Amino acid sequence: MDRSSFLARLIGPTFVAIALGMLINLSIYERMIAEALRPGILLYLSGLLSLLAGLAIINLHNNWHMDWRVIITMLGWLMTIGGIIRIVAPQITIAIGSTVYSGRAPTIVVALIVGALGAFLSVKGYVQRT
């Protein structure tokens, strides 16, 4: 199995589970998001984990060919950049996160986008052979 399929098999179902959790338990996730957007150890640890995961992805899969695999590379870079920002400039994360998650509708939209991306990667990883 190639690296793209392997990473799609990891990321896809994880994103689907996150999206389902957000949609089924919307009020709980809204409280968790609000808690995560406060300065503190949770914000720092999420940045550290995001940085490590992003670096792992881009070190294994820095593929910029214009097909579905570029999504994995872009996610790796977004995770790396997001992790660095959470560690170095948490106030930026708090400002952006507070704007994005400003109500119920944006949270639902984010969940649907994450779910669709997860479903797409799951299909590419588990069903389609390229």
C-alpha atoms as a PDB file:
ATOM      1  CA  MET A   1       0.000   0.000   0.000  1.00  0.00           C
ATOM      2  CA  ASP A   2       1.359   3.408  -0.911  1.00  0.00           C
ATOM      3  CA  ARG A   3       1.743   6.231   1.605  1.00  0.00           C
ATOM      4  CA  SER A   4      -1.145   8.235   0.183  1.00  0.00           C
ATOM      5  CA  SER A   5      -3.611   5.392   0.669  1.00  0.00           C
ATOM      6  CA  PHE A   6      -2.212   4.640   4.123  1.00  0.00           C
ATOM      7  CA  LEU A   7      -2.593   8.255   5.259  1.00  0.00           C
ATOM      8  CA  ALA A   8      -6.049   8.500   3.665  1.00  0.00           C
ATOM      9  CA  ARG A   9      -7.033   5.398   5.657  1.00  0.00           C
ATOM     10  CA  LEU A  10      -5.912   7.117   8.864  1.00  0.00           C
ATOM     11  CA  ILE A  11      -7.196  10.624   8.257  1.00  0.00           C
ATOM     12  CA  GLY A  12     -10.473   9.775   6.483  1.00  0.00           C
ATOM     13  CA  PRO A  13     -12.192   7.730   9.213  1.00  0.00           C
ATOM     14  CA  THR A  14     -10.827  10.059  11.891  1.00  0.00           C
ATOM     15  CA  PHE A  15     -12.413  13.064  10.185  1.00  0.00           C
ATOM     16  CA  VAL A  16     -15.691  11.169   9.709  1.00  0.00           C
ATOM     17  CA  ALA A  17     -15.767  10.277  13.412  1.00  0.00           C
ATOM     18  CA  ILE A  18     -15.021  13.884  14.401  1.00  0.00           C
ATOM     19  CA  ALA A  19     -17.765  15.183  12.110  1.00  0.00           C
ATOM     20  CA  LEU A  20     -20.324  12.684  13.395  1.00  0.00           C
ATOM     21  CA  GLY A  21     -19.393  13.522  16.970  1.00  0.00           C
ATOM     22  CA  MET A  22     -19.809  17.228  16.261  1.00  0.00           C
ATOM     23  CA  LEU A  23     -23.193  16.775  14.567  1.00  0.00           C
ATOM     24  CA  ILE A  24     -24.626  14.325  17.110  1.00  0.00           C
ATOM     25  CA  ASN A  25     -23.329  16.183  20.188  1.00  0.00           C
ATOM     26  CA  LEU A  26     -23.364  19.749  18.924  1.00  0.00           C
ATOM     27  CA  SER A  27     -23.809  21.504  22.277  1.00  0.00           C
ATOM     28  CA  ILE A  28     -21.076  19.404  23.914  1.00  0.00           C
ATOM     29  CA  TYR A  29     -18.661  20.152  21.067  1.00  0.00           C
ATOM     30  CA  GLU A  30     -19.493  23.859  21.239  1.00  0.00           C
ATOM     31  CA  ARG A  31     -18.498  23.819  24.927  1.00  0.00           C
ATOM     32  CA  MET A  32     -15.327  21.841  24.145  1.00  0.00           C
ATOM     33  CA  ILE A  33     -14.383  24.282  21.387  1.00  0.00           C
ATOM     34  CA  ALA A  34     -14.987  27.251  23.704  1.00  0.00           C
ATOM     35  CA  GLU A  35     -12.810  25.590  26.351  1.00  0.00           C
ATOM     36  CA  ALA A  36     -10.070  24.838  23.811  1.00  0.00           C
ATOM     37  CA  LEU A  37     -10.031  28.496  22.722  1.00  0.00           C
ATOM     38  CA  ARG A  38      -8.948  29.732  26.144  1.00  0.00           C
ATOM     39  CA  PRO A  39      -5.287  30.323  26.914  1.00  0.00           C
ATOM     40  CA  GLY A  40      -3.877  27.362  28.767  1.00  0.00           C
ATOM     41  CA  ILE A  41      -2.351  23.938  28.597  1.00  0.00           C
ATOM     42  CA  LEU A  42      -5.087  22.508  26.341  1.00  0.00           C
ATOM     43  CA  LEU A  43      -4.350  25.069  23.633  1.00  0.00           C
ATOM     44  CA  TYR A  44      -0.617  24.419  23.951  1.00  0.00           C
ATOM     45  CA  LEU A  45      -0.977  20.616  23.856  1.00  0.00           C
ATOM     46  CA  SER A  46      -3.279  20.758  20.843  1.00  0.00           C
ATOM     47  CA  GLY A  47      -0.652  22.878  19.101  1.00  0.00           C
ATOM     48  CA  LEU A  48       2.095  20.446  20.012  1.00  0.00           C
ATOM     49  CA  LEU A  49       0.114  17.435  18.769  1.00  0.00           C
ATOM     50  CA  SER A  50      -0.910  19.238  15.593  1.00  0.00           C
ATOM     51  CA  LEU A  51       2.689  20.244  14.916  1.00  0.00           C
ATOM     52  CA  LEU A  52       3.966  16.697  15.423  1.00  0.00           C
ATOM     53  CA  ALA A  53       1.245  15.123  13.271  1.00  0.00           C
ATOM     54  CA  GLY A  54       1.684  17.734  10.545  1.00  0.00           C
ATOM     55  CA  LEU A  55       5.437  17.268  10.463  1.00  0.00           C
ATOM     56  CA  ALA A  56       5.005  13.492  10.275  1.00  0.00           C
ATOM     57  CA  ILE A  57       2.667  13.863   7.308  1.00  0.00           C
ATOM     58  CA  ILE A  58       4.821  16.312   5.358  1.00  0.00           C
ATOM     59  CA  ASN A  59       7.983  14.302   6.028  1.00  0.00           C
ATOM     60  CA  LEU A  60       6.294  11.154   4.718  1.00  0.00           C
ATOM     61  CA  HIS A  61       4.111  12.749   2.070  1.00  0.00           C
ATOM     62  CA  ASN A  62       5.211  16.079   0.612  1.00  0.00           C
ATOM     63  CA  ASN A  63       3.547  15.347  -2.726  1.00  0.00           C
ATOM     64  CA  TRP A  64       2.433  18.358  -4.774  1.00  0.00           C
ATOM     65  CA  HIS A  65       1.103  16.493  -7.843  1.00  0.00           C
ATOM     66  CA  MET A  66      -2.299  17.904  -8.736  1.00  0.00           C
ATOM     67  CA  ASP A  67      -4.520  14.958  -7.903  1.00  0.00           C
ATOM     68  CA  TRP A  68      -6.360  13.859  -4.753  1.00  0.00           C
ATOM     69  CA  ARG A  69      -3.094  13.163  -2.925  1.00  0.00           C
ATOM     70  CA  VAL A  70      -2.295  16.869  -2.679  1.00  0.00           C
ATOM     71  CA  ILE A  71      -5.104  17.121  -0.107  1.00  0.00           C
ATOM     72  CA  ILE A  72      -3.046  15.019   2.309  1.00  0.00           C
ATOM     73  CA  THR A  73       0.010  17.213   1.788  1.00  0.00           C
ATOM     74  CA  MET A  74      -2.065  20.365   2.288  1.00  0.00           C
ATOM     75  CA  LEU A  75      -3.557  18.945   5.497  1.00  0.00           C
ATOM     76  CA  GLY A  76      -0.053  18.193   6.739  1.00  0.00           C
ATOM     77  CA  TRP A  77       1.074  21.745   6.072  1.00  0.00           C
ATOM     78  CA  LEU A  78      -2.087  23.228   7.615  1.00  0.00           C
ATOM     79  CA  MET A  79      -1.587  21.094  10.727  1.00  0.00           C
ATOM     80  CA  THR A  80       2.057  22.139  10.957  1.00  0.00           C
ATOM     81  CA  ILE A  81       1.292  25.838  10.538  1.00  0.00           C
ATOM     82  CA  GLY A  82      -1.673  25.633  12.914  1.00  0.00           C
ATOM     83  CA  GLY A  83       0.463  23.892  15.527  1.00  0.00           C
ATOM     84  CA  ILE A  84       3.193  26.506  15.260  1.00  0.00           C
ATOM     85  CA  ILE A  85       0.670  29.340  15.588  1.00  0.00           C
ATOM     86  CA  ARG A  86      -0.953  27.742  18.650  1.00  0.00           C
ATOM     87  CA  ILE A  87       2.443  27.375  20.321  1.00  0.00           C
ATOM     88  CA  VAL A  88       4.049  30.683  19.292  1.00  0.00           C
ATOM     89  CA  ALA A  89       1.046  33.039  19.010  1.00  0.00           C
ATOM     90  CA  PRO A  90      -1.960  31.540  20.822  1.00  0.00           C
ATOM     91  CA  GLN A  91      -3.790  34.873  20.743  1.00  0.00           C
ATOM     92  CA  ILE A  92      -4.096  34.525  16.933  1.00  0.00           C
ATOM     93  CA  THR A  93      -5.619  31.061  17.347  1.00  0.00           C
ATOM     94  CA  ILE A  94      -8.088  32.380  19.899  1.00  0.00           C
ATOM     95  CA  ALA A  95      -9.115  35.288  17.637  1.00  0.00           C
ATOM     96  CA  ILE A  96      -9.537  33.120  14.522  1.00  0.00           C
ATOM     97  CA  GLY A  97     -11.243  30.275  16.380  1.00  0.00           C
ATOM     98  CA  SER A  98     -13.640  32.657  18.118  1.00  0.00           C
ATOM     99  CA  THR A  99     -14.596  34.103  14.731  1.00  0.00           C
ATOM    100  CA  VAL A 100     -15.015  30.736  12.984  1.00  0.00           C
ATOM    101  CA  TYR A 101     -16.953  29.126  15.840  1.00  0.00           C
ATOM    102  CA  SER A 102     -19.150  32.142  16.582  1.00  0.00           C
ATOM    103  CA  GLY A 103     -22.405  30.184  16.683  1.00  0.00           C
ATOM    104  CA  ARG A 104     -24.201  26.971  15.920  1.00  0.00           C
ATOM    105  CA  ALA A 105     -24.349  27.341  12.120  1.00  0.00           C
ATOM    106  CA  PRO A 106     -20.565  27.731  11.615  1.00  0.00           C
ATOM    107  CA  THR A 107     -19.962  24.683  13.812  1.00  0.00           C
ATOM    108  CA  ILE A 108     -22.367  22.645  11.672  1.00  0.00           C
ATOM    109  CA  VAL A 109     -20.695  23.890   8.475  1.00  0.00           C
ATOM    110  CA  VAL A 110     -17.248  22.939   9.798  1.00  0.00           C
ATOM    111  CA  ALA A 111     -18.563  19.495  10.778  1.00  0.00           C
ATOM    112  CA  LEU A 112     -20.036  18.958   7.305  1.00  0.00           C
ATOM    113  CA  ILE A 113     -16.811  20.026   5.588  1.00  0.00           C
ATOM    114  CA  VAL A 114     -14.687  17.785   7.833  1.00  0.00           C
ATOM    115  CA  GLY A 115     -17.130  14.901   7.287  1.00  0.00           C
ATOM    116  CA  ALA A 116     -17.135  15.299   3.507  1.00  0.00           C
ATOM    117  CA  LEU A 117     -13.337  15.472   3.420  1.00  0.00           C
ATOM    118  CA  GLY A 118     -13.139  12.404   5.667  1.00  0.00           C
ATOM    119  CA  ALA A 119     -15.569  10.464   3.506  1.00  0.00           C
ATOM    120  CA  PHE A 120     -13.637  11.412   0.360  1.00  0.00           C
ATOM    121  CA  LEU A 121     -10.312  10.309   1.854  1.00  0.00           C
ATOM    122  CA  SER A 122     -11.864   7.107   3.193  1.00  0.00           C
ATOM    123  CA  VAL A 123     -13.122   6.217  -0.275  1.00  0.00           C
ATOM    124  CA  LYS A 124      -9.716   6.989  -1.782  1.00  0.00           C
ATOM    125  CA  GLY A 125      -7.938   4.961   0.903  1.00  0.00           C
ATOM    126  CA  TYR A 126     -10.220   1.954   1.207  1.00  0.00           C
ATOM    127  CA  VAL A 127     -12.248   1.667  -1.997  1.00  0.00           C
ATOM    128  CA  GLN A 128     -10.406   3.157  -4.952  1.00  0.00           C
ATOM    129  CA  ARG A 129      -7.118   1.755  -6.098  1.00  0.00           C
ATOM    130  CA  THR A 130      -4.955   4.269  -7.959  1.00  0.00           C
END
